[in-house]
């Protein structure tokens, strides 16, 4: 973890998520897009037996978009997602179409949670959610190496435990 002294400013976070995030995002996209396309194919074959040209065109567009979601989006997300924890703030950047950058002073942290779903466990990944006293909601760091996530949670817990305030 890097440390930066001085006033935290909105800047690009320095650290990338785990490279295994690409496989995780690809796998979840295959699952979700596969379910979506299966439903569309059933509708196409059962509900629209006359094979209207517009239905065939819509199905083709859906397949092309699903392939892009599976092959392109995970790599783009990996290129964009960044995070950093300093002794004074937590920085994140996420998204792929709509990119969001967040910074939260650690003095505003209320809780630090970690999560590791079944597919994340397959890829040895974990996500961290930092709840702050902010109307913008929690800050998430997704797809960290599971060991690194444990270290970050311990580090954040140690840093925020120093402050005896109530983070409001």
N, C-alpha and C. Protein backbone atom coordinates (compact mmCIF):
# COMPACT_ATOMS: atom_id res chain seq x y z
N UNK A 1 0.83 -1.17 0.00
CA UNK A 1 0.00 0.00 0.00
C UNK A 1 0.88 1.24 0.00
N UNK A 2 0.51 2.16 -0.81
CA UNK A 2 1.33 3.37 -0.88
C UNK A 2 0.82 4.37 0.16
N UNK A 3 1.68 5.27 0.50
CA UNK A 3 1.26 6.33 1.41
C UNK A 3 1.54 7.66 0.74
N UNK A 4 0.60 8.54 0.92
CA UNK A 4 0.72 9.88 0.37
C UNK A 4 0.41 10.84 1.50
N UNK A 5 1.26 11.80 1.69
CA UNK A 5 0.97 12.80 2.73
C UNK A 5 0.39 14.03 2.08
N UNK A 6 -0.22 14.83 2.87
CA UNK A 6 -0.80 16.06 2.34
C UNK A 6 -2.28 15.90 2.09
N UNK A 7 -2.84 16.87 1.42
CA UNK A 7 -4.26 16.92 1.15
C UNK A 7 -4.64 15.93 0.05
N UNK A 8 -5.58 15.01 0.33
CA UNK A 8 -5.99 14.10 -0.73
C UNK A 8 -6.75 14.86 -1.81
N UNK A 9 -6.46 14.57 -3.04
CA UNK A 9 -7.14 15.22 -4.16
C UNK A 9 -7.66 14.15 -5.09
N UNK A 10 -8.69 14.47 -5.86
CA UNK A 10 -9.22 13.53 -6.83
C UNK A 10 -8.17 13.33 -7.90
N UNK A 11 -7.64 12.15 -7.95
CA UNK A 11 -6.58 11.81 -8.90
C UNK A 11 -6.75 10.36 -9.28
N UNK A 12 -6.00 9.94 -10.27
CA UNK A 12 -6.08 8.54 -10.69
C UNK A 12 -5.45 7.65 -9.63
N UNK A 13 -6.18 6.63 -9.19
CA UNK A 13 -5.60 5.68 -8.25
C UNK A 13 -4.47 4.90 -8.93
N UNK A 14 -3.50 4.46 -8.15
CA UNK A 14 -2.29 3.87 -8.70
C UNK A 14 -2.36 2.37 -8.96
N UNK A 15 -3.21 1.63 -8.28
CA UNK A 15 -3.15 0.17 -8.31
C UNK A 15 -4.21 -0.44 -9.22
N UNK A 16 -3.82 -1.50 -9.93
CA UNK A 16 -4.76 -2.25 -10.77
C UNK A 16 -5.39 -3.37 -9.96
N UNK A 17 -6.56 -3.80 -10.40
CA UNK A 17 -7.16 -4.99 -9.81
C UNK A 17 -6.37 -6.20 -10.30
N UNK A 18 -6.67 -7.38 -9.78
CA UNK A 18 -5.97 -8.59 -10.18
C UNK A 18 -6.21 -8.89 -11.66
N UNK A 19 -5.19 -9.39 -12.33
CA UNK A 19 -5.33 -9.76 -13.74
C UNK A 19 -6.36 -10.88 -13.91
N UNK A 20 -6.57 -11.67 -12.86
CA UNK A 20 -7.57 -12.74 -12.91
C UNK A 20 -8.99 -12.17 -13.02
N UNK A 21 -9.15 -10.88 -12.80
CA UNK A 21 -10.46 -10.24 -12.95
C UNK A 21 -10.98 -10.39 -14.37
N UNK A 22 -10.08 -10.41 -15.36
CA UNK A 22 -10.52 -10.58 -16.75
C UNK A 22 -11.26 -11.90 -16.91
N UNK A 23 -10.68 -12.97 -16.35
CA UNK A 23 -11.34 -14.28 -16.42
C UNK A 23 -12.65 -14.30 -15.66
N UNK A 24 -12.66 -13.65 -14.50
CA UNK A 24 -13.89 -13.57 -13.70
C UNK A 24 -14.98 -12.83 -14.46
N UNK A 25 -14.66 -11.64 -14.98
CA UNK A 25 -15.67 -10.86 -15.71
C UNK A 25 -16.11 -11.59 -16.98
N UNK A 26 -15.20 -12.29 -17.65
CA UNK A 26 -15.56 -13.05 -18.84
C UNK A 26 -16.51 -14.19 -18.47
N UNK A 27 -16.20 -14.90 -17.40
CA UNK A 27 -17.05 -16.01 -16.97
C UNK A 27 -18.44 -15.53 -16.59
N UNK A 28 -18.52 -14.46 -15.82
CA UNK A 28 -19.85 -13.96 -15.44
C UNK A 28 -20.62 -13.45 -16.66
N UNK A 29 -19.91 -12.85 -17.62
CA UNK A 29 -20.58 -12.39 -18.85
C UNK A 29 -21.09 -13.58 -19.65
N UNK A 30 -20.31 -14.67 -19.73
CA UNK A 30 -20.76 -15.86 -20.45
C UNK A 30 -22.04 -16.40 -19.80
N UNK A 31 -22.08 -16.44 -18.48
CA UNK A 31 -23.27 -16.95 -17.77
C UNK A 31 -24.48 -16.06 -18.04
N UNK A 32 -24.34 -14.75 -17.79
CA UNK A 32 -25.48 -13.85 -17.96
C UNK A 32 -25.91 -13.72 -19.42
N UNK A 33 -24.96 -13.57 -20.31
CA UNK A 33 -25.30 -13.44 -21.73
C UNK A 33 -25.85 -14.75 -22.27
N UNK A 34 -25.33 -15.87 -21.78
CA UNK A 34 -25.85 -17.17 -22.21
C UNK A 34 -27.30 -17.35 -21.83
N UNK A 35 -27.66 -16.97 -20.60
CA UNK A 35 -29.05 -17.04 -20.16
C UNK A 35 -29.93 -16.12 -21.00
N UNK A 36 -29.46 -14.89 -21.21
CA UNK A 36 -30.21 -13.91 -21.99
C UNK A 36 -30.43 -14.41 -23.43
N UNK A 37 -29.37 -14.91 -24.05
CA UNK A 37 -29.50 -15.39 -25.43
C UNK A 37 -30.38 -16.65 -25.51
N UNK A 38 -30.31 -17.51 -24.51
CA UNK A 38 -31.15 -18.71 -24.51
C UNK A 38 -32.62 -18.31 -24.47
N UNK A 39 -32.94 -17.32 -23.65
CA UNK A 39 -34.32 -16.83 -23.59
C UNK A 39 -34.74 -16.24 -24.93
N UNK A 40 -33.87 -15.44 -25.54
CA UNK A 40 -34.19 -14.84 -26.84
C UNK A 40 -34.40 -15.91 -27.92
N UNK A 41 -33.56 -16.92 -27.91
CA UNK A 41 -33.69 -17.99 -28.91
C UNK A 41 -35.00 -18.75 -28.71
N UNK A 42 -35.38 -19.02 -27.47
CA UNK A 42 -36.66 -19.69 -27.20
C UNK A 42 -37.81 -18.83 -27.70
N UNK A 43 -37.76 -17.54 -27.40
CA UNK A 43 -38.81 -16.63 -27.88
C UNK A 43 -38.83 -16.63 -29.40
N UNK A 44 -37.67 -16.56 -30.00
CA UNK A 44 -37.56 -16.52 -31.47
C UNK A 44 -38.14 -17.79 -32.10
N UNK A 45 -37.82 -18.95 -31.53
CA UNK A 45 -38.25 -20.22 -32.12
C UNK A 45 -39.69 -20.60 -31.77
N UNK A 46 -40.13 -20.27 -30.57
CA UNK A 46 -41.44 -20.72 -30.10
C UNK A 46 -42.52 -19.66 -30.30
N UNK A 47 -42.23 -18.43 -29.89
CA UNK A 47 -43.24 -17.38 -29.94
C UNK A 47 -43.38 -16.79 -31.34
N UNK A 48 -42.29 -16.73 -32.07
CA UNK A 48 -42.32 -16.14 -33.42
C UNK A 48 -41.98 -17.19 -34.47
N UNK A 49 -42.84 -18.17 -34.68
CA UNK A 49 -42.51 -19.24 -35.62
C UNK A 49 -42.43 -18.80 -37.08
N UNK A 50 -42.94 -17.62 -37.41
CA UNK A 50 -42.92 -17.17 -38.80
C UNK A 50 -41.58 -16.57 -39.23
N UNK A 51 -40.65 -16.39 -38.31
CA UNK A 51 -39.30 -15.87 -38.58
C UNK A 51 -39.34 -14.53 -39.33
N UNK A 52 -39.95 -13.55 -38.66
CA UNK A 52 -40.00 -12.21 -39.22
C UNK A 52 -38.57 -11.69 -39.41
N UNK A 53 -38.36 -10.89 -40.43
CA UNK A 53 -37.01 -10.38 -40.72
C UNK A 53 -36.49 -9.53 -39.57
N UNK A 54 -37.38 -8.74 -38.98
CA UNK A 54 -36.96 -7.85 -37.89
C UNK A 54 -36.57 -8.65 -36.65
N UNK A 55 -37.24 -9.79 -36.41
CA UNK A 55 -36.89 -10.64 -35.27
C UNK A 55 -35.52 -11.27 -35.49
N UNK A 56 -35.25 -11.68 -36.72
CA UNK A 56 -33.92 -12.23 -37.04
C UNK A 56 -32.84 -11.17 -36.88
N UNK A 57 -33.15 -9.94 -37.29
CA UNK A 57 -32.18 -8.84 -37.16
C UNK A 57 -31.92 -8.53 -35.69
N UNK A 58 -32.97 -8.49 -34.87
CA UNK A 58 -32.81 -8.24 -33.44
C UNK A 58 -31.99 -9.34 -32.77
N UNK A 59 -32.24 -10.58 -33.14
CA UNK A 59 -31.48 -11.69 -32.57
C UNK A 59 -30.01 -11.60 -32.96
N UNK A 60 -29.74 -11.23 -34.19
CA UNK A 60 -28.35 -11.06 -34.66
C UNK A 60 -27.65 -9.95 -33.89
N UNK A 61 -28.33 -8.82 -33.70
CA UNK A 61 -27.75 -7.72 -32.93
C UNK A 61 -27.47 -8.16 -31.50
N UNK A 62 -28.41 -8.90 -30.90
CA UNK A 62 -28.22 -9.38 -29.53
C UNK A 62 -27.01 -10.30 -29.43
N UNK A 63 -26.81 -11.16 -30.41
CA UNK A 63 -25.66 -12.06 -30.41
C UNK A 63 -24.36 -11.27 -30.54
N UNK A 64 -24.33 -10.29 -31.43
CA UNK A 64 -23.12 -9.47 -31.61
C UNK A 64 -22.81 -8.70 -30.32
N UNK A 65 -23.82 -8.11 -29.70
CA UNK A 65 -23.60 -7.38 -28.45
C UNK A 65 -23.15 -8.32 -27.32
N UNK A 66 -23.70 -9.52 -27.27
CA UNK A 66 -23.30 -10.49 -26.25
C UNK A 66 -21.84 -10.90 -26.44
N UNK A 67 -21.43 -11.12 -27.68
CA UNK A 67 -20.04 -11.48 -27.96
C UNK A 67 -19.11 -10.33 -27.55
N UNK A 68 -19.50 -9.10 -27.82
CA UNK A 68 -18.70 -7.95 -27.40
C UNK A 68 -18.62 -7.87 -25.88
N UNK A 69 -19.74 -8.13 -25.21
CA UNK A 69 -19.77 -8.11 -23.74
C UNK A 69 -18.82 -9.17 -23.17
N UNK A 70 -18.71 -10.29 -23.85
CA UNK A 70 -17.87 -11.38 -23.38
C UNK A 70 -16.39 -11.16 -23.72
N UNK A 71 -16.10 -10.69 -24.93
CA UNK A 71 -14.72 -10.60 -25.39
C UNK A 71 -14.05 -9.25 -25.15
N UNK A 72 -14.81 -8.16 -25.19
CA UNK A 72 -14.21 -6.83 -25.13
C UNK A 72 -14.33 -6.19 -23.75
N UNK A 73 -15.52 -6.22 -23.18
CA UNK A 73 -15.79 -5.49 -21.94
C UNK A 73 -14.87 -5.90 -20.79
N UNK A 74 -14.63 -7.20 -20.55
CA UNK A 74 -13.74 -7.54 -19.42
C UNK A 74 -12.34 -6.93 -19.54
N UNK A 75 -11.79 -6.88 -20.73
CA UNK A 75 -10.47 -6.30 -20.92
C UNK A 75 -10.48 -4.79 -20.74
N UNK A 76 -11.56 -4.16 -21.18
CA UNK A 76 -11.68 -2.72 -20.99
C UNK A 76 -11.84 -2.38 -19.51
N UNK A 77 -12.66 -3.18 -18.82
CA UNK A 77 -12.84 -2.95 -17.39
C UNK A 77 -11.51 -3.10 -16.65
N UNK A 78 -10.72 -4.09 -17.03
CA UNK A 78 -9.41 -4.27 -16.40
C UNK A 78 -8.52 -3.06 -16.64
N UNK A 79 -8.59 -2.50 -17.83
CA UNK A 79 -7.77 -1.32 -18.15
C UNK A 79 -8.21 -0.09 -17.37
N UNK A 80 -9.48 -0.01 -17.00
CA UNK A 80 -10.02 1.18 -16.34
C UNK A 80 -9.99 1.07 -14.82
N UNK A 81 -10.36 -0.09 -14.27
CA UNK A 81 -10.50 -0.23 -12.82
C UNK A 81 -9.17 -0.02 -12.11
N UNK A 82 -9.19 0.88 -11.14
CA UNK A 82 -8.01 1.18 -10.33
C UNK A 82 -8.45 1.43 -8.90
N UNK A 83 -7.51 1.29 -7.98
CA UNK A 83 -7.80 1.55 -6.58
C UNK A 83 -6.50 1.92 -5.87
N UNK A 84 -6.66 2.55 -4.72
CA UNK A 84 -5.51 2.87 -3.90
C UNK A 84 -6.00 3.24 -2.50
N UNK A 85 -5.26 2.78 -1.51
CA UNK A 85 -5.53 3.15 -0.12
C UNK A 85 -4.28 3.81 0.41
N UNK A 86 -4.45 5.02 0.93
CA UNK A 86 -3.33 5.73 1.56
C UNK A 86 -3.65 5.84 3.05
N UNK A 87 -2.78 6.47 3.78
CA UNK A 87 -3.04 6.66 5.21
C UNK A 87 -4.13 7.69 5.47
N UNK A 88 -4.56 8.41 4.41
CA UNK A 88 -5.57 9.43 4.63
C UNK A 88 -6.85 9.25 3.80
N UNK A 89 -6.79 8.43 2.73
CA UNK A 89 -7.97 8.33 1.86
C UNK A 89 -7.97 7.02 1.10
N UNK A 90 -9.14 6.73 0.54
CA UNK A 90 -9.29 5.59 -0.36
C UNK A 90 -9.74 6.15 -1.71
N UNK A 91 -9.09 5.72 -2.77
CA UNK A 91 -9.37 6.18 -4.12
C UNK A 91 -9.84 5.00 -4.96
N UNK A 92 -10.85 5.21 -5.79
CA UNK A 92 -11.28 4.17 -6.72
C UNK A 92 -11.67 4.79 -8.06
N UNK A 93 -11.51 3.99 -9.09
CA UNK A 93 -12.02 4.32 -10.43
C UNK A 93 -12.57 3.03 -11.00
N UNK A 94 -13.82 3.08 -11.49
CA UNK A 94 -14.46 1.88 -11.99
C UNK A 94 -15.41 2.22 -13.13
N UNK A 95 -15.92 1.18 -13.74
CA UNK A 95 -16.86 1.33 -14.84
C UNK A 95 -16.25 0.89 -16.15
N UNK A 96 -17.06 0.91 -17.17
CA UNK A 96 -16.52 0.64 -18.51
C UNK A 96 -17.18 1.55 -19.53
N UNK A 97 -18.45 1.83 -19.37
CA UNK A 97 -19.13 2.78 -20.24
C UNK A 97 -19.22 4.12 -19.52
N UNK A 98 -19.65 4.07 -18.29
CA UNK A 98 -19.72 5.24 -17.43
C UNK A 98 -18.63 5.09 -16.36
N UNK A 99 -17.56 5.84 -16.47
CA UNK A 99 -16.43 5.70 -15.56
C UNK A 99 -16.63 6.62 -14.36
N UNK A 100 -16.53 6.02 -13.16
CA UNK A 100 -16.73 6.75 -11.93
C UNK A 100 -15.44 6.77 -11.13
N UNK A 101 -15.07 7.95 -10.65
CA UNK A 101 -13.90 8.10 -9.80
C UNK A 101 -14.36 8.60 -8.45
N UNK A 102 -13.89 7.96 -7.37
CA UNK A 102 -14.33 8.34 -6.03
C UNK A 102 -13.12 8.47 -5.11
N UNK A 103 -13.24 9.33 -4.14
CA UNK A 103 -12.25 9.45 -3.07
C UNK A 103 -13.02 9.66 -1.77
N UNK A 104 -12.54 8.99 -0.74
CA UNK A 104 -13.17 9.16 0.56
C UNK A 104 -12.07 9.26 1.62
N UNK A 105 -12.11 10.31 2.41
CA UNK A 105 -11.16 10.39 3.52
C UNK A 105 -11.41 9.24 4.49
N UNK A 106 -10.36 8.65 5.00
CA UNK A 106 -10.53 7.51 5.91
C UNK A 106 -11.21 7.91 7.21
N UNK A 107 -11.17 9.19 7.52
CA UNK A 107 -11.87 9.65 8.74
C UNK A 107 -13.38 9.50 8.59
N UNK A 108 -13.87 9.30 7.37
CA UNK A 108 -15.32 9.16 7.13
C UNK A 108 -15.76 7.70 7.03
N UNK A 109 -14.82 6.76 7.14
CA UNK A 109 -15.15 5.34 7.00
C UNK A 109 -15.92 4.85 8.21
N UNK A 110 -17.02 4.15 7.94
CA UNK A 110 -17.84 3.59 9.00
C UNK A 110 -17.66 2.07 9.11
N UNK A 111 -17.68 1.38 7.97
CA UNK A 111 -17.47 -0.07 7.98
C UNK A 111 -16.61 -0.48 6.79
N UNK A 112 -15.94 -1.61 6.96
CA UNK A 112 -15.15 -2.22 5.89
C UNK A 112 -15.60 -3.67 5.79
N UNK A 113 -16.15 -4.04 4.65
CA UNK A 113 -16.66 -5.39 4.45
C UNK A 113 -15.93 -6.04 3.27
N UNK A 114 -15.78 -7.34 3.34
CA UNK A 114 -15.24 -8.06 2.19
C UNK A 114 -16.25 -9.11 1.76
N UNK A 115 -16.21 -9.43 0.48
CA UNK A 115 -17.15 -10.38 -0.10
C UNK A 115 -16.39 -11.25 -1.09
N UNK A 116 -16.76 -12.53 -1.12
CA UNK A 116 -16.15 -13.45 -2.07
C UNK A 116 -17.21 -14.45 -2.49
N UNK A 117 -17.81 -14.20 -3.65
CA UNK A 117 -18.83 -15.10 -4.17
C UNK A 117 -18.21 -16.38 -4.71
N UNK A 118 -19.06 -17.31 -5.11
CA UNK A 118 -18.60 -18.62 -5.58
C UNK A 118 -17.68 -18.50 -6.79
N UNK A 119 -18.04 -17.68 -7.75
CA UNK A 119 -17.21 -17.55 -8.95
C UNK A 119 -15.93 -16.79 -8.60
N UNK A 120 -16.01 -15.81 -7.72
CA UNK A 120 -14.80 -15.12 -7.27
C UNK A 120 -13.84 -16.09 -6.60
N UNK A 121 -14.37 -17.01 -5.79
CA UNK A 121 -13.50 -18.00 -5.14
C UNK A 121 -12.78 -18.85 -6.16
N UNK A 122 -13.45 -19.20 -7.26
CA UNK A 122 -12.81 -19.98 -8.32
C UNK A 122 -11.58 -19.25 -8.86
N UNK A 123 -11.66 -17.94 -8.91
CA UNK A 123 -10.57 -17.13 -9.46
C UNK A 123 -9.66 -16.55 -8.36
N UNK A 124 -9.90 -16.95 -7.09
CA UNK A 124 -9.13 -16.46 -5.94
C UNK A 124 -9.18 -14.93 -5.86
N UNK A 125 -10.39 -14.40 -6.02
CA UNK A 125 -10.62 -12.96 -5.97
C UNK A 125 -11.56 -12.63 -4.82
N UNK A 126 -11.55 -11.39 -4.41
CA UNK A 126 -12.47 -10.89 -3.40
C UNK A 126 -12.73 -9.42 -3.67
N UNK A 127 -13.84 -8.92 -3.14
CA UNK A 127 -14.19 -7.51 -3.27
C UNK A 127 -14.33 -6.90 -1.89
N UNK A 128 -14.06 -5.61 -1.82
CA UNK A 128 -14.14 -4.87 -0.56
C UNK A 128 -15.16 -3.75 -0.73
N UNK A 129 -16.00 -3.58 0.27
CA UNK A 129 -16.95 -2.47 0.30
C UNK A 129 -16.64 -1.61 1.51
N UNK A 130 -16.41 -0.33 1.27
CA UNK A 130 -16.11 0.61 2.33
C UNK A 130 -17.30 1.55 2.44
N UNK A 131 -18.01 1.46 3.56
CA UNK A 131 -19.17 2.32 3.80
C UNK A 131 -18.68 3.57 4.51
N UNK A 132 -19.08 4.71 3.96
CA UNK A 132 -18.64 5.99 4.52
C UNK A 132 -19.86 6.82 4.91
N UNK A 133 -19.59 7.89 5.60
CA UNK A 133 -20.63 8.85 5.96
C UNK A 133 -20.83 9.78 4.77
N UNK A 134 -21.33 9.22 3.68
CA UNK A 134 -21.49 9.98 2.45
C UNK A 134 -22.83 9.63 1.81
N UNK A 135 -23.46 10.60 1.24
CA UNK A 135 -24.72 10.35 0.55
C UNK A 135 -24.49 9.66 -0.80
N UNK A 136 -23.24 9.62 -1.28
CA UNK A 136 -22.93 8.96 -2.55
C UNK A 136 -22.90 7.45 -2.41
N UNK A 137 -22.95 6.94 -1.19
CA UNK A 137 -22.96 5.50 -1.00
C UNK A 137 -21.58 4.92 -0.77
N UNK A 138 -21.55 3.62 -0.67
CA UNK A 138 -20.32 2.89 -0.36
C UNK A 138 -19.35 2.93 -1.54
N UNK A 139 -18.09 2.75 -1.22
CA UNK A 139 -17.04 2.63 -2.23
C UNK A 139 -16.68 1.16 -2.34
N UNK A 140 -16.62 0.66 -3.58
CA UNK A 140 -16.30 -0.74 -3.79
C UNK A 140 -14.98 -0.88 -4.53
N UNK A 141 -14.19 -1.83 -4.07
CA UNK A 141 -12.98 -2.24 -4.78
C UNK A 141 -13.23 -3.68 -5.17
N UNK A 142 -13.47 -3.91 -6.44
CA UNK A 142 -13.83 -5.24 -6.91
C UNK A 142 -12.62 -5.96 -7.50
N UNK A 143 -12.64 -7.27 -7.35
CA UNK A 143 -11.70 -8.17 -8.01
C UNK A 143 -10.25 -8.01 -7.59
N UNK A 144 -10.04 -7.91 -6.29
CA UNK A 144 -8.67 -7.95 -5.77
C UNK A 144 -8.27 -9.40 -5.55
N UNK A 145 -6.98 -9.68 -5.62
CA UNK A 145 -6.47 -10.97 -5.21
C UNK A 145 -6.95 -11.19 -3.77
N UNK A 146 -7.42 -12.40 -3.45
CA UNK A 146 -8.03 -12.64 -2.14
C UNK A 146 -7.07 -12.36 -0.98
N UNK A 147 -5.79 -12.67 -1.15
CA UNK A 147 -4.83 -12.38 -0.09
C UNK A 147 -4.61 -10.88 0.06
N UNK A 148 -4.55 -10.19 -1.06
CA UNK A 148 -4.40 -8.74 -1.02
C UNK A 148 -5.63 -8.09 -0.38
N UNK A 149 -6.81 -8.61 -0.68
CA UNK A 149 -8.04 -8.07 -0.09
C UNK A 149 -8.00 -8.21 1.43
N UNK A 150 -7.52 -9.35 1.92
CA UNK A 150 -7.41 -9.53 3.38
C UNK A 150 -6.46 -8.50 3.99
N UNK A 151 -5.33 -8.27 3.30
CA UNK A 151 -4.36 -7.28 3.80
C UNK A 151 -4.96 -5.87 3.81
N UNK A 152 -5.69 -5.53 2.75
CA UNK A 152 -6.29 -4.20 2.66
C UNK A 152 -7.34 -4.02 3.75
N UNK A 153 -8.17 -5.03 3.97
CA UNK A 153 -9.19 -4.95 5.03
C UNK A 153 -8.51 -4.76 6.39
N UNK A 154 -7.45 -5.53 6.65
CA UNK A 154 -6.73 -5.39 7.92
C UNK A 154 -6.11 -4.01 8.04
N UNK A 155 -5.53 -3.51 6.95
CA UNK A 155 -4.90 -2.19 6.95
C UNK A 155 -5.95 -1.09 7.20
N UNK A 156 -7.07 -1.16 6.49
CA UNK A 156 -8.13 -0.17 6.68
C UNK A 156 -8.70 -0.23 8.09
N UNK A 157 -8.87 -1.42 8.61
CA UNK A 157 -9.39 -1.58 9.97
C UNK A 157 -8.43 -0.96 10.97
N UNK A 158 -7.14 -1.18 10.77
CA UNK A 158 -6.12 -0.63 11.67
C UNK A 158 -6.10 0.89 11.59
N UNK A 159 -6.13 1.44 10.39
CA UNK A 159 -6.08 2.90 10.22
C UNK A 159 -7.33 3.55 10.79
N UNK A 160 -8.51 3.02 10.44
CA UNK A 160 -9.74 3.66 10.91
C UNK A 160 -9.96 3.43 12.39
N UNK A 161 -9.36 2.39 12.96
CA UNK A 161 -9.48 2.14 14.38
C UNK A 161 -8.72 3.16 15.22
N UNK A 162 -7.77 3.84 14.63
CA UNK A 162 -6.99 4.87 15.34
C UNK A 162 -7.86 6.07 15.70
N UNK A 163 -8.84 6.38 14.83
CA UNK A 163 -9.70 7.54 15.03
C UNK A 163 -10.84 7.17 15.96
N UNK A 164 -10.99 7.90 17.03
CA UNK A 164 -12.03 7.59 17.99
C UNK A 164 -13.35 8.27 17.68
N UNK A 165 -13.43 8.99 16.55
CA UNK A 165 -14.68 9.64 16.17
C UNK A 165 -15.68 8.63 15.67
N UNK A 166 -16.87 9.12 15.30
CA UNK A 166 -17.90 8.22 14.84
C UNK A 166 -18.08 8.27 13.31
N UNK A 167 -17.17 8.89 12.58
CA UNK A 167 -17.17 8.95 11.12
C UNK A 167 -18.44 9.55 10.54
N UNK A 168 -19.01 10.53 11.23
CA UNK A 168 -20.21 11.19 10.69
C UNK A 168 -19.94 12.64 10.46
